[in-house]
Amino acid sequence: MPPIWDINLRHLRALSVVARLGSISAAAQAISISQPAITQAIAKLEAQCGLPFFERQPRGMVATEAGLIFAQRIDAALCHIGSAKVTVAQMRALIALADHGSYLAASAATGLAQPSLHRAVNDLSLVLRRTLIERRGRGIALTEDGRRIVRAFRLARGELETGLAELAGLLGRETGRIVIGAMPLSRARILPAALATFHHEHPEVVIEVLEGAFHDLIEPLRDGAIDLMIGALRDPLPGPDIEQHTLFADRPVVIGRKGHPLGRATIEEMARYPWIVPTRGTPLRKAWERMFAGIEPQPRVPIECGSAMVIRQLLIGSDFLTLLSPDQVAVELEAEWVAILAQTPPDLTRVIGMTCRAGWRPTAVQGRFIRILRQQAG
């Protein structure tokens, strides 16, 4: 499949309109492009992708399976782009500038000359009637409009790359990439099991796992750099552009070192010991706060941490307590480095699931991964 930067957006618009209207003549009237130009555009796209997008029949142009699949992705991309006057060169220049922070670095990364990048970004500002960059000292920065448009362009790029991957699948060249944002609990059991099963079925698909807390992963998800996140769900939702889907419920337990001096595991007794819990605002921290609501004095939290590996090492040599899912320290429990010291109230259960962009349409292989993930959760 061709790189998306080698594809003409006008050609894509032509394909989309022909697929929707079923006629080159109707499409020519709708987008004010001549019929020969539309015919040439479709022929070039078919040559670039190696697939026929239409069957020429007496009643008009009937989209093939490839045409229908690609047209849906094109429509989504064009919706993000917004203006019919935007070009691929302008999209590429603004994304490169945002990714690398300067024209010099963007030029080095893309191989495009700095004057070409300048011209493309300036022309884009004129086309959109928006100021996209501003001077800050000796450097430059994106304006608020610039950041918003970069996000839209990244999402459009993602849709087109996904469409090309789907076309490659039709040719029997299963390719693709799934980028997963993994929050702490997902890394303990469910994600490794799903990855192993999926890779066995689809060895040609590359999966990239980005570890981090929710606040580290949510903006890359919104930008389209991450396809889905797995971990504790948020209440309320982070925004109308985000969807959440439940996988399973998890009830954390009180963990301490083997031989911890905690006696009767009452709330009052546990409050006497120092705790390691995640930062404020996380689901587990909220559960911990509910557990000790109304207890005076409140237990001390000298260390705020969400890393099970770090917490494990701290627990082994101290009298700290923490809240964790047993899955997160299964190896440590088996080795008897740590122990479950108490259960937690039923209302401390947290929901683990998938977080994705609203309206996100997974590819066939992404859909297969999600089904495997749900099976593992079940």
Protein backbone atom coordinates (compact mmCIF):
# COMPACT_ATOMS: atom_id res chain seq x y z
CA MET A 1 0.00 0.00 0.00
CA PRO A 2 1.22 3.53 -0.69
CA PRO A 3 2.23 5.90 2.12
CA ILE A 4 -0.71 8.13 2.91
CA TRP A 5 1.36 11.21 2.06
CA ASP A 6 1.54 9.94 -1.54
CA ILE A 7 -2.25 9.97 -1.90
CA ASN A 8 -4.11 13.01 -3.21
CA LEU A 9 -6.98 14.17 -0.98
CA ARG A 10 -8.97 15.33 -4.01
CA HIS A 11 -8.77 11.82 -5.40
CA LEU A 12 -10.03 10.44 -2.10
CA ARG A 13 -12.94 12.89 -2.08
CA ALA A 14 -13.82 11.82 -5.60
CA LEU A 15 -13.83 8.13 -4.61
CA SER A 16 -16.01 8.86 -1.60
CA VAL A 17 -18.61 10.80 -3.57
CA VAL A 18 -18.79 8.23 -6.38
CA ALA A 19 -19.27 5.47 -3.78
CA ARG A 20 -22.09 7.44 -2.19
CA LEU A 21 -23.86 8.55 -5.40
CA GLY A 22 -23.08 5.56 -7.61
CA SER A 23 -22.33 7.71 -10.63
CA ILE A 24 -19.34 9.60 -11.99
CA SER A 25 -21.56 12.22 -13.63
CA ALA A 26 -23.46 12.84 -10.37
CA ALA A 27 -20.18 13.05 -8.48
CA ALA A 28 -18.79 15.52 -11.01
CA GLN A 29 -21.74 17.84 -10.40
CA ALA A 30 -21.55 17.43 -6.63
CA ILE A 31 -17.87 18.36 -6.24
CA SER A 32 -17.39 20.49 -9.38
CA ILE A 33 -14.73 18.27 -10.94
CA SER A 34 -14.88 17.06 -14.53
CA GLN A 35 -15.88 13.46 -15.25
CA PRO A 36 -12.53 12.64 -16.92
CA ALA A 37 -10.70 14.00 -13.86
CA ILE A 38 -12.76 11.79 -11.54
CA THR A 39 -12.19 8.76 -13.76
CA GLN A 40 -8.45 9.42 -13.73
CA ALA A 41 -8.47 9.93 -9.94
CA ILE A 42 -10.16 6.58 -9.31
CA ALA A 43 -7.87 4.81 -11.78
CA LYS A 44 -4.80 6.22 -10.03
CA LEU A 45 -6.06 5.17 -6.58
CA GLU A 46 -6.80 1.67 -7.86
CA ALA A 47 -3.29 1.45 -9.33
CA GLN A 48 -1.71 2.71 -6.10
CA CYS A 49 -3.63 0.27 -3.90
CA GLY A 50 -3.73 -2.69 -6.28
CA LEU A 51 -7.48 -3.22 -5.89
CA PRO A 52 -10.59 -2.31 -7.92
CA PHE A 53 -12.85 0.06 -6.01
CA PHE A 54 -15.81 -0.06 -8.42
CA GLU A 55 -17.52 -2.35 -10.87
CA ARG A 56 -18.55 -0.43 -14.01
CA GLN A 57 -22.13 -1.52 -14.73
CA PRO A 58 -24.86 -0.11 -17.04
CA ARG A 59 -26.71 1.26 -14.01
CA GLY A 60 -23.65 3.07 -12.70
CA MET A 61 -20.62 2.60 -10.51
CA VAL A 62 -21.09 -0.11 -7.90
CA ALA A 63 -18.53 -0.07 -5.10
CA THR A 64 -16.64 -3.31 -4.49
CA GLU A 65 -15.92 -4.56 -0.97
CA ALA A 66 -12.62 -2.68 -1.09
CA GLY A 67 -14.39 0.45 -2.29
CA LEU A 68 -16.96 0.33 0.51
CA ILE A 69 -14.33 -0.26 3.19
CA PHE A 70 -12.04 2.49 1.94
CA ALA A 71 -14.87 4.98 1.37
CA GLN A 72 -15.95 4.66 5.01
CA ARG A 73 -12.45 5.45 6.21
CA ILE A 74 -12.14 8.31 3.72
CA ASP A 75 -15.42 9.81 4.95
CA ALA A 76 -14.21 9.68 8.56
CA ALA A 77 -10.89 11.27 7.59
CA LEU A 78 -12.51 14.05 5.59
CA CYS A 79 -14.88 14.74 8.48
CA HIS A 80 -11.87 15.33 10.73
CA ILE A 81 -10.13 17.51 8.13
CA GLY A 82 -13.21 19.66 7.64
CA SER A 83 -12.16 21.79 4.66
CA ALA A 84 -12.09 20.57 1.05
CA LYS A 85 -9.24 23.00 0.37
CA VAL A 86 -6.72 21.28 2.65
CA THR A 87 -3.97 19.29 0.93
CA VAL A 88 -1.93 16.30 2.09
CA ALA A 89 1.23 18.43 1.98
CA GLN A 90 -0.32 20.94 4.36
CA MET A 91 -1.45 18.21 6.74
CA ARG A 92 1.98 16.62 6.73
CA ALA A 93 3.75 19.93 7.34
CA LEU A 94 1.61 20.93 10.33
CA ILE A 95 1.81 17.49 11.96
CA ALA A 96 5.59 17.42 11.48
CA LEU A 97 5.92 20.88 12.99
CA ALA A 98 3.79 19.85 15.98
CA ASP A 99 5.70 16.60 16.46
CA HIS A 100 9.20 18.09 16.26
CA GLY A 101 8.77 21.63 17.59
CA SER A 102 10.60 23.58 14.89
CA TYR A 103 10.90 23.88 11.13
CA LEU A 104 14.52 22.74 11.33
CA ALA A 105 13.69 19.55 13.23
CA ALA A 106 10.59 18.90 11.08
CA SER A 107 12.71 19.24 7.95
CA ALA A 108 15.32 16.80 9.29
CA ALA A 109 12.63 14.27 10.22
CA THR A 110 10.64 14.40 7.00
CA GLY A 111 13.32 15.22 4.43
CA LEU A 112 11.25 18.17 3.24
CA ALA A 113 12.94 21.53 2.70
CA GLN A 114 12.26 24.18 5.33
CA PRO A 115 10.87 26.66 2.74
CA SER A 116 8.38 23.99 1.62
CA LEU A 117 7.24 23.45 5.21
CA HIS A 118 6.93 27.19 5.81
CA ARG A 119 4.91 27.63 2.64
CA ALA A 120 2.60 24.70 3.40
CA VAL A 121 1.83 25.92 6.95
CA ASN A 122 1.32 29.51 5.80
CA ASP A 123 -0.99 28.40 2.98
CA LEU A 124 -2.94 26.26 5.45
CA SER A 125 -3.42 29.26 7.74
CA LEU A 126 -4.83 31.22 4.79
CA VAL A 127 -7.10 28.36 3.69
CA LEU A 128 -8.53 27.84 7.18
CA ARG A 129 -8.44 31.53 8.12
CA ARG A 130 -6.81 30.64 11.41
CA THR A 131 -3.54 31.58 13.07
CA LEU A 132 -1.89 28.21 13.63
CA ILE A 133 1.52 29.12 15.05
CA GLU A 134 2.91 32.01 17.03
CA ARG A 135 6.37 33.26 17.93
CA ARG A 136 7.54 32.70 21.49
CA GLY A 137 10.95 34.22 22.03
CA ARG A 138 13.25 32.62 19.51
CA GLY A 139 10.98 29.64 19.01
CA ILE A 140 7.47 28.91 17.80
CA ALA A 141 4.43 27.25 19.35
CA LEU A 142 1.03 26.13 18.17
CA THR A 143 -1.92 28.35 18.98
CA GLU A 144 -5.08 26.87 20.46
CA ASP A 145 -6.52 26.64 16.93
CA GLY A 146 -3.29 25.02 15.78
CA ARG A 147 -3.45 22.35 18.51
CA ARG A 148 -7.06 21.60 17.69
CA ILE A 149 -6.37 21.25 13.96
CA VAL A 150 -3.28 19.10 14.54
CA ARG A 151 -5.40 16.69 16.58
CA ALA A 152 -7.98 16.56 13.77
CA PHE A 153 -5.25 15.92 11.19
CA ARG A 154 -3.71 13.14 13.30
CA LEU A 155 -7.10 11.45 13.59
CA ALA A 156 -7.60 11.81 9.82
CA ARG A 157 -4.17 10.29 9.20
CA GLY A 158 -5.09 7.41 11.50
CA GLU A 159 -8.31 6.71 9.59
CA LEU A 160 -6.48 6.64 6.25
CA GLU A 161 -3.69 4.41 7.58
CA THR A 162 -6.34 2.07 8.99
CA GLY A 163 -8.13 2.02 5.65
CA LEU A 164 -4.94 1.09 3.83
CA ALA A 165 -4.27 -1.68 6.36
CA GLU A 166 -7.77 -3.05 5.75
CA LEU A 167 -7.14 -3.04 2.00
CA ALA A 168 -3.88 -4.94 2.55
CA GLY A 169 -5.90 -7.51 4.48
CA LEU A 170 -8.15 -8.04 1.46
CA LEU A 171 -5.05 -8.84 -0.58
CA GLY A 172 -4.03 -11.48 1.94
CA ARG A 173 -1.23 -9.35 3.30
CA GLU A 174 -2.42 -9.05 6.85
CA THR A 175 -0.63 -6.08 8.28
CA GLY A 176 -1.45 -3.49 10.83
CA ARG A 177 -0.52 -2.17 14.19
CA ILE A 178 -2.46 -1.99 17.42
CA VAL A 179 -1.31 0.53 20.00
CA ILE A 180 -2.55 -0.19 23.52
CA GLY A 181 -2.35 2.09 26.52
CA ALA A 182 -1.84 -0.18 29.53
CA MET A 183 -2.74 1.09 32.98
CA PRO A 184 -1.35 -0.75 36.02
CA LEU A 185 -3.96 -3.44 36.66
CA SER A 186 -4.21 -4.51 33.00
CA ARG A 187 -0.53 -5.47 33.00
CA ALA A 188 -0.97 -8.07 35.75
CA ARG A 189 -3.00 -10.78 34.01
CA ILE A 190 -5.58 -9.88 31.40
CA LEU A 191 -3.37 -8.04 28.89
CA PRO A 192 -0.45 -10.52 28.79
CA ALA A 193 -2.88 -13.41 28.32
CA ALA A 194 -4.75 -11.61 25.52
CA LEU A 195 -1.50 -10.62 23.79
CA ALA A 196 -0.19 -14.19 23.81
CA THR A 197 -3.40 -15.59 22.31
CA PHE A 198 -3.70 -12.84 19.72
CA HIS A 199 -0.07 -13.10 18.58
CA HIS A 200 -0.46 -16.85 18.10
CA GLU A 201 -3.39 -16.18 15.73
CA HIS A 202 -2.02 -13.05 14.02
CA PRO A 203 1.80 -13.13 14.09
CA GLU A 204 2.09 -10.48 11.35
CA VAL A 205 0.27 -7.78 13.33
CA VAL A 206 2.51 -5.54 15.43
CA ILE A 207 1.25 -4.62 18.89
CA GLU A 208 2.78 -1.73 20.79
CA VAL A 209 2.06 -1.47 24.51
CA LEU A 210 2.53 1.94 26.12
CA GLU A 211 2.54 1.77 29.91
CA GLY A 212 1.36 4.66 32.01
CA ALA A 213 -1.23 6.17 34.28
CA PHE A 214 -4.56 7.42 32.97
CA HIS A 215 -3.42 11.05 32.71
CA ASP A 216 -0.35 9.97 30.72
CA LEU A 217 -2.37 8.04 28.14
CA ILE A 218 -5.63 9.93 27.64
CA GLU A 219 -4.27 12.72 25.41
CA PRO A 220 -2.38 10.31 23.07
CA LEU A 221 -5.66 8.37 22.86
CA ARG A 222 -7.50 11.53 21.86
CA ASP A 223 -4.79 12.27 19.26
CA GLY A 224 -5.17 8.83 17.72
CA ALA A 225 -1.66 7.76 18.76
CA ILE A 226 -3.24 5.08 21.00
CA ASP A 227 -6.09 2.89 19.78
CA LEU A 228 -7.47 1.84 23.17
CA MET A 229 -6.61 1.95 26.84
CA ILE A 230 -7.11 -0.88 29.32
CA GLY A 231 -7.45 -0.29 33.04
CA ALA A 232 -9.70 1.14 35.71
CA LEU A 233 -12.63 3.10 34.24
CA ARG A 234 -13.32 6.69 35.25
CA ASP A 235 -16.49 8.09 36.75
CA PRO A 236 -17.51 10.54 35.46
CA LEU A 237 -16.39 10.13 31.86
CA PRO A 238 -13.37 12.26 30.89
CA GLY A 239 -15.44 13.95 28.16
CA PRO A 240 -18.01 13.40 25.39
CA ASP A 241 -15.24 12.33 23.01
CA ILE A 242 -14.44 9.26 25.13
CA GLU A 243 -16.24 5.92 25.52
CA GLN A 244 -15.72 3.26 28.19
CA HIS A 245 -16.60 -0.46 28.05
CA THR A 246 -16.62 -2.78 31.06
CA LEU A 247 -14.47 -5.92 31.10
CA PHE A 248 -14.69 -7.10 34.73
CA ALA A 249 -14.98 -5.92 38.32
CA ASP A 250 -11.99 -6.03 40.64
CA ARG A 251 -11.99 -5.87 44.42
CA PRO A 252 -8.64 -4.86 45.90
CA VAL A 253 -7.31 -6.30 49.16
CA VAL A 254 -5.02 -5.02 51.90
CA ILE A 255 -1.45 -6.17 51.25
CA GLY A 256 1.56 -6.09 53.55
CA ARG A 257 4.79 -8.00 54.05
CA LYS A 258 4.80 -11.58 55.23
CA GLY A 259 4.90 -11.44 59.05
CA HIS A 260 3.45 -7.93 59.21
CA PRO A 261 2.60 -6.97 62.82
CA LEU A 262 -0.98 -5.99 61.94
CA GLY A 263 -3.15 -7.87 64.39
CA ARG A 264 -6.94 -7.68 64.24
CA ALA A 265 -7.55 -6.23 60.79
CA THR A 266 -10.03 -3.56 61.84
CA ILE A 267 -10.18 -0.20 60.10
CA GLU A 268 -8.92 1.50 63.25
CA GLU A 269 -5.98 -0.90 63.53
CA MET A 270 -5.03 -0.48 59.87
CA ALA A 271 -5.16 3.31 60.24
CA ARG A 272 -2.19 3.13 62.63
CA TYR A 273 0.19 2.05 59.85
CA PRO A 274 1.68 4.09 56.98
CA TRP A 275 0.20 3.46 53.52
CA ILE A 276 1.37 3.48 49.92
CA VAL A 277 -1.49 4.43 47.59
CA PRO A 278 -1.80 6.07 44.14
CA THR A 279 -2.16 9.80 43.69
CA ARG A 280 -5.43 11.63 44.38
CA GLY A 281 -8.15 11.29 41.79
CA THR A 282 -7.33 7.73 40.72
CA PRO A 283 -10.03 5.06 41.23
CA LEU A 284 -7.91 3.11 43.73
CA ARG A 285 -7.13 6.23 45.77
CA LYS A 286 -10.84 7.07 45.85
CA ALA A 287 -11.58 3.54 47.07
CA TRP A 288 -8.95 3.90 49.81
CA GLU A 289 -10.42 7.24 50.88
CA ARG A 290 -13.89 5.68 51.11
CA MET A 291 -12.50 2.86 53.24
CA PHE A 292 -11.16 5.33 55.82
CA ALA A 293 -13.98 7.87 55.62
CA GLY A 294 -14.84 9.08 59.13
CA ILE A 295 -11.75 7.55 60.73
CA GLU A 296 -9.73 9.91 62.92
CA PRO A 297 -6.89 10.34 62.81
CA GLN A 298 -6.55 9.55 59.12
CA PRO A 299 -3.77 7.09 58.21
CA ARG A 300 -0.56 8.61 56.89
CA VAL A 301 0.38 8.33 53.21
CA PRO A 302 4.12 9.07 53.09
CA ILE A 303 4.47 7.58 49.61
CA GLU A 304 2.09 7.99 46.65
CA CYS A 305 2.84 5.39 43.97
CA GLY A 306 0.94 3.35 41.36
CA SER A 307 3.73 0.96 40.36
CA ALA A 308 3.17 -2.56 41.70
CA MET A 309 6.90 -3.33 41.28
CA VAL A 310 7.98 -0.35 43.39
CA ILE A 311 5.28 -0.99 45.98
CA ARG A 312 6.33 -4.63 46.29
CA GLN A 313 9.91 -3.72 47.11
CA LEU A 314 8.80 -1.13 49.66
CA LEU A 315 6.44 -3.56 51.36
CA ILE A 316 9.00 -6.34 51.75
CA GLY A 317 11.28 -4.32 54.02
CA SER A 318 8.79 -2.20 55.96
CA ASP A 319 5.46 -2.10 57.75
CA PHE A 320 3.73 -0.17 54.95
CA LEU A 321 0.27 -1.29 53.85
CA THR A 322 -1.32 -0.90 50.43
CA LEU A 323 -4.42 -1.70 48.41
CA LEU A 324 -3.83 -3.89 45.36
CA SER A 325 -5.59 -6.51 43.32
CA PRO A 326 -4.26 -10.00 44.14
CA ASP A 327 -3.54 -10.37 40.40
CA GLN A 328 -1.00 -7.56 40.60
CA VAL A 329 1.13 -9.39 43.17
CA ALA A 330 0.32 -13.03 42.33
CA VAL A 331 4.00 -14.00 42.04
CA GLU A 332 4.90 -12.21 45.28
CA LEU A 333 2.02 -13.89 47.12
CA GLU A 334 3.09 -17.31 45.87
CA ALA A 335 6.69 -16.62 46.92
CA GLU A 336 5.37 -15.45 50.32
CA TRP A 337 7.15 -12.11 50.07
CA VAL A 338 3.85 -10.37 50.78
CA ALA A 339 0.53 -11.48 52.18
CA ILE A 340 -3.16 -10.57 52.05
CA LEU A 341 -3.81 -9.06 55.48
CA ALA A 342 -7.47 -8.12 55.09
CA GLN A 343 -10.36 -8.05 52.68
CA THR A 344 -12.02 -4.77 51.78
CA PRO A 345 -15.69 -3.80 51.92
CA PRO A 346 -17.77 -4.80 48.85
CA ASP A 347 -18.35 -1.18 47.86
CA LEU A 348 -14.64 -0.76 47.11
CA THR A 349 -14.97 -2.79 43.91
CA ARG A 350 -13.62 -0.94 40.87
CA VAL A 351 -14.55 -1.52 37.24
CA ILE A 352 -11.80 -2.51 34.81
CA GLY A 353 -12.41 -2.00 31.12
CA MET A 354 -11.49 -0.46 27.77
CA THR A 355 -11.39 3.24 27.02
CA CYS A 356 -11.49 4.46 23.41
CA ARG A 357 -12.47 7.46 21.33
CA ALA A 358 -16.18 7.97 20.79
CA GLY A 359 -17.14 6.59 17.39
CA TRP A 360 -13.90 4.62 16.99
CA ARG A 361 -14.35 1.79 14.49
CA PRO A 362 -11.82 -1.00 15.00
CA THR A 363 -10.43 -2.92 12.04
CA ALA A 364 -11.08 -6.65 11.73
CA VAL A 365 -7.84 -7.53 13.55
CA GLN A 366 -8.46 -4.90 16.22
CA GLY A 367 -11.94 -6.32 16.67
CA ARG A 368 -10.46 -9.80 17.05
CA PHE A 369 -8.09 -8.55 19.74
CA ILE A 370 -11.00 -6.98 21.63
CA ARG A 371 -12.94 -10.26 21.47
CA ILE A 372 -9.93 -12.12 22.87
CA LEU A 373 -9.60 -9.50 25.59
CA ARG A 374 -13.24 -9.98 26.56
CA GLN A 375 -12.76 -13.76 26.64
CA GLN A 376 -9.80 -13.40 28.99
CA ALA A 377 -11.78 -11.03 31.20
CA GLY A 378 -14.65 -13.51 31.33
